[in-house]
Amino acid sequence: MPSSAGDRFWQLSGGVARCGACGRRMRVVCRTKRPKKKPPRRYGYYRCVASHDNGEEGCANGRMVSAAVLEAKV
């Protein structure tokens, strides 16, 4: 079932997106930036679940991939 975390439909959640380094699923990660004198902006990313949970010991791929960029490629 796709995630609706962060009031957004995540097209590649639910185990569809996989890490290129270890093959485990990618987890949804939301970040909010609050610039001065502007409304907050939410950014969505996908990140390897093993790296998210265990750092470099879990997976060497510690990068977060922009959801907009990855979903556009798929």
C-alpha atoms as a PDB file:
ATOM      1  CA  MET A   1       0.000   0.000   0.000  1.00  0.00           C
ATOM      2  CA  PRO A   2       1.447   3.404  -0.936  1.00  0.00           C
ATOM      3  CA  SER A   3       2.330   5.778   1.867  1.00  0.00           C
ATOM      4  CA  SER A   4       0.482   9.044   2.333  1.00  0.00           C
ATOM      5  CA  ALA A   5       3.034  10.419   4.800  1.00  0.00           C
ATOM      6  CA  GLY A   6       3.389  14.157   4.782  1.00  0.00           C
ATOM      7  CA  ASP A   7       0.042  14.843   3.083  1.00  0.00           C
ATOM      8  CA  ARG A   8       1.496  13.685  -0.227  1.00  0.00           C
ATOM      9  CA  PHE A   9       1.058  10.551  -2.298  1.00  0.00           C
ATOM     10  CA  TRP A  10       4.391   8.714  -2.512  1.00  0.00           C
ATOM     11  CA  GLN A  11       4.444   6.899  -5.843  1.00  0.00           C
ATOM     12  CA  LEU A  12       7.407   4.630  -5.110  1.00  0.00           C
ATOM     13  CA  SER A  13       6.726   3.682  -1.496  1.00  0.00           C
ATOM     14  CA  GLY A  14       5.559   0.259  -0.433  1.00  0.00           C
ATOM     15  CA  GLY A  15       8.770  -1.480  -1.518  1.00  0.00           C
ATOM     16  CA  VAL A  16       8.754  -0.399  -5.179  1.00  0.00           C
ATOM     17  CA  ALA A  17      11.942   1.706  -4.954  1.00  0.00           C
ATOM     18  CA  ARG A  18      15.065  -0.294  -4.096  1.00  0.00           C
ATOM     19  CA  CYS A  19      18.571   0.729  -2.998  1.00  0.00           C
ATOM     20  CA  GLY A  20      21.181   0.322  -5.728  1.00  0.00           C
ATOM     21  CA  ALA A  21      23.863  -0.666  -3.199  1.00  0.00           C
ATOM     22  CA  CYS A  22      22.149  -3.308  -1.034  1.00  0.00           C
ATOM     23  CA  GLY A  23      18.784  -3.988  -2.708  1.00  0.00           C
ATOM     24  CA  ARG A  24      16.653  -3.153   0.329  1.00  0.00           C
ATOM     25  CA  ARG A  25      13.596  -0.924   0.031  1.00  0.00           C
ATOM     26  CA  MET A  26      13.700   2.862   0.128  1.00  0.00           C
ATOM     27  CA  ARG A  27      11.953   4.687   2.976  1.00  0.00           C
ATOM     28  CA  VAL A  28      10.051   7.968   2.719  1.00  0.00           C
ATOM     29  CA  VAL A  29      11.760  10.869   4.507  1.00  0.00           C
ATOM     30  CA  CYS A  30      10.172  14.332   4.850  1.00  0.00           C
ATOM     31  CA  ARG A  31      12.076  17.462   5.755  1.00  0.00           C
ATOM     32  CA  THR A  32      10.643  20.897   6.511  1.00  0.00           C
ATOM     33  CA  LYS A  33      12.693  24.050   5.963  1.00  0.00           C
ATOM     34  CA  ARG A  34      11.588  27.228   7.676  1.00  0.00           C
ATOM     35  CA  PRO A  35      13.193  30.239   6.013  1.00  0.00           C
ATOM     36  CA  LYS A  36      12.891  33.589   7.749  1.00  0.00           C
ATOM     37  CA  LYS A  37       9.866  35.658   6.736  1.00  0.00           C
ATOM     38  CA  LYS A  38       8.587  32.922   4.426  1.00  0.00           C
ATOM     39  CA  PRO A  39       6.166  30.030   4.931  1.00  0.00           C
ATOM     40  CA  PRO A  40       7.714  26.621   5.661  1.00  0.00           C
ATOM     41  CA  ARG A  41       8.426  24.325   2.706  1.00  0.00           C
ATOM     42  CA  ARG A  42       8.265  20.539   2.778  1.00  0.00           C
ATOM     43  CA  TYR A  43      10.694  18.417   0.813  1.00  0.00           C
ATOM     44  CA  GLY A  44      10.357  14.698   0.190  1.00  0.00           C
ATOM     45  CA  TYR A  45      13.133  12.160  -0.214  1.00  0.00           C
ATOM     46  CA  TYR A  46      13.664   8.424  -0.490  1.00  0.00           C
ATOM     47  CA  ARG A  47      16.455   6.829   1.562  1.00  0.00           C
ATOM     48  CA  CYS A  48      17.672   3.253   1.995  1.00  0.00           C
ATOM     49  CA  VAL A  49      15.997   1.727   5.045  1.00  0.00           C
ATOM     50  CA  ALA A  50      19.201  -0.060   6.141  1.00  0.00           C
ATOM     51  CA  SER A  51      21.217   3.164   5.996  1.00  0.00           C
ATOM     52  CA  HIS A  52      18.473   5.088   7.797  1.00  0.00           C
ATOM     53  CA  ASP A  53      18.296   2.557  10.639  1.00  0.00           C
ATOM     54  CA  ASN A  54      21.972   1.543  11.023  1.00  0.00           C
ATOM     55  CA  GLY A  55      24.099   4.166   9.276  1.00  0.00           C
ATOM     56  CA  GLU A  56      27.108   2.986   7.248  1.00  0.00           C
ATOM     57  CA  GLU A  57      27.061  -0.394   9.001  1.00  0.00           C
ATOM     58  CA  GLY A  58      23.654  -1.086   7.436  1.00  0.00           C
ATOM     59  CA  CYS A  59      24.401   0.206   3.925  1.00  0.00           C
ATOM     60  CA  ALA A  60      27.123   2.325   2.364  1.00  0.00           C
ATOM     61  CA  ASN A  61      24.490   4.296   0.415  1.00  0.00           C
ATOM     62  CA  GLY A  62      23.658   7.062   2.886  1.00  0.00           C
ATOM     63  CA  ARG A  63      22.294   9.463   0.279  1.00  0.00           C
ATOM     64  CA  MET A  64      18.743  10.716   0.200  1.00  0.00           C
ATOM     65  CA  VAL A  65      17.257  10.958  -3.287  1.00  0.00           C
ATOM     66  CA  SER A  66      14.794  13.728  -4.069  1.00  0.00           C
ATOM     67  CA  ALA A  67      11.319  12.270  -4.512  1.00  0.00           C
ATOM     68  CA  ALA A  68      10.492  14.694  -7.320  1.00  0.00           C
ATOM     69  CA  VAL A  69      13.601  13.742  -9.304  1.00  0.00           C
ATOM     70  CA  LEU A  70      13.275   9.970  -8.773  1.00  0.00           C
ATOM     71  CA  GLU A  71       9.548   9.863  -9.530  1.00  0.00           C
ATOM     72  CA  ALA A  72      10.056  11.919 -12.703  1.00  0.00           C
ATOM     73  CA  LYS A  73      12.636   9.390 -13.941  1.00  0.00           C
ATOM     74  CA  VAL A  74      10.292   6.472 -13.349  1.00  0.00           C
END
